Amino acid sequence: MTNKNKTVVRSMDILNLFIDYTELSFQEIIELSGIPKTSVFRMLKSLEEMEFLEKGTDAKYRLGILFLKFGHLVSMRLDVRKIAYPIMNELHNDIKEAINLIVRDGNEAIYIEKVDTKQKVRLYTAIGRKSPLYAGACSRAILSFLPDTEIKKYLESIELTSFATGTITDKERLYETILQARELGYTISHSELENYTSAIAAPIFDHKGEVVAGMSIAGLEANYQEENVEIFVEKLKKATVEISKQLGYGQH
């Protein structure tokens, strides 16, 4: 407890009250939390300003709009994972290569699911691991299908650093691969995050037509040449199209 900020912990105590109560008055919050009145007053003001809480005309406090935004993001990620998992399993059993699922997290991508039981090689990827949006096929599958303005803003704001022998560190070349990905509908990488490994990835879209995730087939570079690439691309696209469809993409 020593290294935790006292105000943050107390604010959390106040917010946690709303797990059991949909609305609470100032007095009720003081009684339930056991926090001194002046501190409660200060914290409620801050929590209200930051939209964590809102105060109704009846002077009662309720959870604010911010939780809806966060809740939506969390449920969207859970939905993608739930829908994708059986499809990833099927694909993995078919081609015996690692299958990864990622979502965007700011300027990075985070791996939220992975199926690799039949693949003997342990790769860079692991659930919870992050990589920049420009590095590796899976991350770039999200970057390439973002709106033009977002791509432009991203390219202007980042510095490209190298992770392995194949990492793209030139912005012009990176932009070319983005254009190519949009044309082909998939991305490919060789030794970008880890030497001697390759990946092929494709985007996943939601009901609004926005890219919400990326899925990749990954393994040893030797397996990602010529006709194998074509086979993998076809199977991967079939899988990502199915996931997108189940997320409501193209159903207007």
Protein backbone atom coordinates (compact mmCIF):
# COMPACT_ATOMS: atom_id res chain seq x y z
CA MET A 1 0.00 0.00 0.00
CA THR A 2 2.97 2.31 0.67
CA ASN A 3 3.78 3.03 -2.97
CA LYS A 4 0.17 3.65 -3.99
CA ASN A 5 -1.13 7.18 -4.13
CA LYS A 6 -3.55 7.63 -1.21
CA THR A 7 -5.93 9.90 -3.14
CA VAL A 8 -6.10 7.48 -6.05
CA VAL A 9 -6.81 4.55 -3.71
CA ARG A 10 -9.53 6.52 -1.91
CA SER A 11 -11.05 7.64 -5.21
CA MET A 12 -11.15 3.99 -6.22
CA ASP A 13 -12.91 3.17 -2.92
CA ILE A 14 -15.57 5.72 -3.80
CA LEU A 15 -16.00 4.39 -7.35
CA ASN A 16 -16.20 0.81 -6.03
CA LEU A 17 -19.28 1.77 -4.00
CA PHE A 18 -21.15 2.06 -7.30
CA ILE A 19 -20.69 -1.66 -7.94
CA ASP A 20 -23.37 -2.23 -5.30
CA TYR A 21 -25.33 1.03 -5.59
CA THR A 22 -26.62 2.66 -8.77
CA GLU A 23 -26.89 6.07 -7.11
CA LEU A 24 -25.64 7.64 -3.89
CA SER A 25 -25.97 10.99 -2.12
CA PHE A 26 -22.99 12.94 -0.76
CA GLN A 27 -23.89 11.89 2.78
CA GLU A 28 -24.27 8.21 1.82
CA ILE A 29 -20.84 8.22 0.17
CA ILE A 30 -19.27 9.64 3.36
CA GLU A 31 -21.00 7.01 5.53
CA LEU A 32 -20.22 4.04 3.26
CA SER A 33 -16.61 4.98 2.52
CA GLY A 34 -15.61 6.18 5.98
CA ILE A 35 -13.54 8.93 4.30
CA PRO A 36 -13.60 12.41 5.91
CA LYS A 37 -16.20 14.82 4.52
CA THR A 38 -13.73 17.39 3.09
CA SER A 39 -11.78 14.68 1.25
CA VAL A 40 -14.97 13.16 -0.18
CA PHE A 41 -16.09 16.59 -1.37
CA ARG A 42 -12.75 17.22 -3.13
CA MET A 43 -12.63 13.79 -4.73
CA LEU A 44 -16.23 13.89 -5.93
CA LYS A 45 -15.52 17.22 -7.61
CA SER A 46 -12.50 15.78 -9.43
CA LEU A 47 -14.29 12.56 -10.39
CA GLU A 48 -17.17 14.63 -11.75
CA GLU A 49 -14.87 16.89 -13.77
CA MET A 50 -13.20 13.84 -15.30
CA GLU A 51 -16.60 12.27 -16.14
CA PHE A 52 -16.06 9.26 -13.87
CA LEU A 53 -19.15 10.35 -11.96
CA GLU A 54 -22.10 12.56 -12.76
CA LYS A 55 -24.38 14.39 -10.39
CA GLY A 56 -28.07 14.37 -11.20
CA THR A 57 -30.62 17.13 -10.57
CA ASP A 58 -31.63 15.09 -7.51
CA ALA A 59 -28.08 15.75 -6.14
CA LYS A 60 -27.28 12.03 -6.32
CA TYR A 61 -24.13 10.67 -7.89
CA ARG A 62 -24.04 7.98 -10.59
CA LEU A 63 -21.29 6.46 -12.74
CA GLY A 64 -20.40 8.81 -15.57
CA ILE A 65 -20.27 8.58 -19.33
CA LEU A 66 -16.58 7.66 -19.27
CA PHE A 67 -17.40 4.18 -18.03
CA LEU A 68 -19.62 3.65 -21.05
CA LYS A 69 -16.69 4.48 -23.32
CA PHE A 70 -14.32 2.18 -21.44
CA GLY A 71 -16.97 -0.51 -21.13
CA HIS A 72 -17.57 -0.39 -24.86
CA LEU A 73 -13.86 -0.79 -25.60
CA VAL A 74 -13.50 -3.71 -23.21
CA SER A 75 -16.61 -5.50 -24.48
CA MET A 76 -15.56 -4.93 -28.10
CA ARG A 77 -12.20 -6.56 -27.37
CA LEU A 78 -13.89 -9.46 -25.59
CA ASP A 79 -16.33 -9.88 -28.49
CA VAL A 80 -13.54 -9.99 -31.07
CA ARG A 81 -11.68 -12.58 -29.01
CA LYS A 82 -14.75 -14.73 -28.40
CA ILE A 83 -15.74 -14.74 -32.06
CA ALA A 84 -12.20 -15.21 -33.35
CA TYR A 85 -11.07 -18.03 -31.06
CA PRO A 86 -12.89 -21.01 -32.67
CA ILE A 87 -11.96 -19.73 -36.14
CA MET A 88 -8.31 -19.35 -35.08
CA ASN A 89 -8.36 -22.90 -33.70
CA GLU A 90 -9.72 -24.29 -36.93
CA LEU A 91 -7.09 -22.44 -38.97
CA HIS A 92 -4.31 -23.62 -36.65
CA ASN A 93 -5.40 -27.26 -36.90
CA ASP A 94 -5.43 -26.91 -40.66
CA ILE A 95 -2.02 -25.30 -41.27
CA LYS A 96 -0.14 -26.05 -38.00
CA GLU A 97 1.33 -22.53 -37.80
CA ALA A 98 0.84 -20.06 -34.92
CA ILE A 99 -2.26 -17.87 -35.17
CA ASN A 100 -2.27 -14.48 -33.41
CA LEU A 101 -4.99 -11.93 -32.72
CA ILE A 102 -4.21 -8.31 -31.91
CA VAL A 103 -6.07 -5.09 -31.20
CA ARG A 104 -4.83 -1.52 -31.25
CA ASP A 105 -3.70 0.16 -28.07
CA GLY A 106 -2.78 3.74 -28.96
CA ASN A 107 0.38 3.71 -31.07
CA GLU A 108 0.88 0.03 -30.34
CA ALA A 109 -0.79 -3.29 -30.93
CA ILE A 110 -1.43 -5.75 -28.13
CA TYR A 111 -1.72 -9.51 -28.57
CA ILE A 112 -5.01 -10.66 -27.01
CA GLU A 113 -5.13 -14.27 -28.24
CA LYS A 114 -2.77 -16.86 -29.65
CA VAL A 115 -3.13 -20.48 -30.75
CA ASP A 116 0.13 -22.35 -31.26
CA THR A 117 -0.19 -25.82 -29.69
CA LYS A 118 0.85 -27.63 -32.88
CA GLN A 119 3.77 -25.35 -33.64
CA LYS A 120 7.06 -26.35 -32.12
CA VAL A 121 8.74 -22.96 -32.37
CA ARG A 122 8.12 -20.33 -29.71
CA LEU A 123 7.83 -16.94 -31.34
CA TYR A 124 8.12 -13.30 -30.21
CA THR A 125 4.39 -13.11 -29.76
CA ALA A 126 2.64 -13.79 -26.46
CA ILE A 127 -0.71 -12.72 -25.02
CA GLY A 128 -0.32 -9.29 -23.46
CA ARG A 129 2.83 -8.49 -25.40
CA LYS A 130 2.91 -5.25 -27.37
CA SER A 131 4.56 -4.12 -30.55
CA PRO A 132 4.54 -0.77 -32.41
CA LEU A 133 1.93 -0.43 -35.16
CA TYR A 134 4.63 -0.27 -37.85
CA ALA A 135 6.54 -3.44 -36.91
CA GLY A 136 5.41 -6.89 -37.94
CA ALA A 137 2.64 -7.97 -40.29
CA CYS A 138 -0.03 -8.23 -37.61
CA SER A 139 0.40 -4.69 -36.26
CA ARG A 140 0.66 -3.28 -39.76
CA ALA A 141 -2.59 -4.98 -40.73
CA ILE A 142 -4.28 -2.55 -38.35
CA LEU A 143 -2.16 0.48 -39.27
CA SER A 144 -2.69 0.02 -43.02
CA PHE A 145 -6.47 0.12 -42.77
CA LEU A 146 -6.84 3.12 -40.47
CA PRO A 147 -8.28 6.32 -42.00
CA ASP A 148 -5.77 8.30 -44.10
CA THR A 149 -5.63 11.19 -41.62
CA GLU A 150 -4.77 8.84 -38.74
CA ILE A 151 -2.02 7.14 -40.76
CA LYS A 152 -0.56 10.54 -41.69
CA LYS A 153 -0.65 11.71 -38.06
CA TYR A 154 0.93 8.46 -36.90
CA LEU A 155 3.74 8.57 -39.46
CA GLU A 156 4.54 12.16 -38.49
CA SER A 157 4.64 11.39 -34.78
CA ILE A 158 6.80 8.26 -34.61
CA GLU A 159 10.43 7.35 -34.80
CA LEU A 160 11.14 3.99 -36.40
CA THR A 161 13.47 1.83 -34.35
CA SER A 162 14.85 -1.56 -35.29
CA PHE A 163 13.92 -4.83 -33.53
CA ALA A 164 15.42 -7.36 -35.93
CA THR A 165 17.20 -7.47 -39.31
CA GLY A 166 14.01 -6.90 -41.30
CA THR A 167 12.37 -4.07 -39.31
CA ILE A 168 11.25 -1.24 -41.59
CA THR A 169 13.04 1.91 -40.44
CA ASP A 170 12.38 4.11 -43.45
CA LYS A 171 9.09 6.05 -43.46
CA GLU A 172 8.76 6.14 -47.23
CA ARG A 173 9.19 2.39 -47.43
CA LEU A 174 6.71 1.96 -44.60
CA TYR A 175 4.15 4.07 -46.46
CA GLU A 176 4.70 1.97 -49.60
CA THR A 177 3.95 -1.22 -47.63
CA ILE A 178 0.77 0.41 -46.28
CA LEU A 179 -0.42 1.22 -49.82
CA GLN A 180 0.49 -2.29 -50.95
CA ALA A 181 -1.44 -3.82 -48.04
CA ARG A 182 -4.53 -1.82 -48.96
CA GLU A 183 -4.30 -3.06 -52.51
CA LEU A 184 -3.73 -6.73 -51.60
CA GLY A 185 -5.86 -6.89 -48.45
CA TYR A 186 -3.07 -8.40 -46.36
CA THR A 187 0.40 -7.66 -44.94
CA ILE A 188 3.54 -9.77 -44.85
CA SER A 189 6.69 -9.46 -42.76
CA HIS A 190 10.06 -11.20 -42.65
CA SER A 191 12.39 -10.88 -39.63
CA GLU A 192 10.74 -7.65 -38.45
CA LEU A 193 10.22 -8.44 -34.77
CA GLU A 194 12.43 -11.49 -34.52
CA ASN A 195 15.04 -12.86 -36.93
CA TYR A 196 14.18 -15.86 -39.14
CA THR A 197 10.44 -15.56 -38.49
CA SER A 198 7.70 -14.45 -40.85
CA ALA A 199 4.04 -13.55 -40.63
CA ILE A 200 1.09 -12.91 -42.90
CA ALA A 201 -1.75 -10.84 -41.48
CA ALA A 202 -5.14 -9.43 -42.45
CA PRO A 203 -7.45 -6.85 -40.88
CA ILE A 204 -10.74 -7.50 -39.07
CA PHE A 205 -13.54 -4.93 -39.41
CA ASP A 206 -16.56 -4.15 -37.25
CA HIS A 207 -20.15 -3.17 -38.07
CA LYS A 208 -19.04 0.44 -38.70
CA GLY A 209 -16.49 -0.69 -41.26
CA GLU A 210 -13.62 0.29 -38.99
CA VAL A 211 -10.56 -1.89 -38.46
CA VAL A 212 -10.74 -3.28 -34.91
CA ALA A 213 -8.22 -6.11 -34.96
CA GLY A 214 -5.62 -7.95 -36.97
CA MET A 215 -5.00 -11.66 -37.29
CA SER A 216 -1.80 -13.33 -38.40
CA ILE A 217 -0.30 -16.66 -39.32
CA ALA A 218 3.28 -16.75 -38.06
CA GLY A 219 6.22 -19.12 -38.04
CA LEU A 220 9.70 -19.80 -39.38
CA GLU A 221 10.70 -17.75 -42.41
CA ALA A 222 11.52 -20.83 -44.48
CA ASN A 223 7.79 -21.75 -44.59
CA TYR A 224 6.72 -18.36 -45.91
CA GLN A 225 7.90 -18.51 -49.51
CA GLU A 226 6.21 -18.68 -52.96
CA GLU A 227 3.18 -20.99 -53.13
CA ASN A 228 2.93 -21.32 -49.33
CA VAL A 229 2.25 -17.58 -49.11
CA GLU A 230 -0.66 -17.90 -51.54
CA ILE A 231 -2.15 -20.80 -49.58
CA PHE A 232 -1.77 -19.01 -46.25
CA VAL A 233 -3.21 -15.74 -47.61
CA GLU A 234 -6.29 -17.48 -48.98
CA LYS A 235 -7.00 -19.36 -45.74
CA LEU A 236 -6.30 -16.31 -43.56
CA LYS A 237 -8.55 -14.01 -45.59
CA LYS A 238 -11.36 -16.54 -45.40
CA ALA A 239 -10.99 -16.57 -41.60
CA THR A 240 -10.81 -12.78 -41.14
CA VAL A 241 -13.76 -12.22 -43.48
CA GLU A 242 -15.79 -14.65 -41.37
CA ILE A 243 -14.86 -12.89 -38.10
CA SER A 244 -15.64 -9.47 -39.61
CA LYS A 245 -18.99 -10.79 -40.81
CA GLN A 246 -19.84 -12.03 -37.31
CA LEU A 247 -18.94 -8.59 -35.95
CA GLY A 248 -21.56 -7.14 -38.30
CA TYR A 249 -19.25 -5.90 -41.07
CA GLY A 250 -20.95 -5.28 -44.40
CA GLN A 251 -24.44 -5.83 -43.03
CA HIS A 252 -26.17 -2.53 -43.63
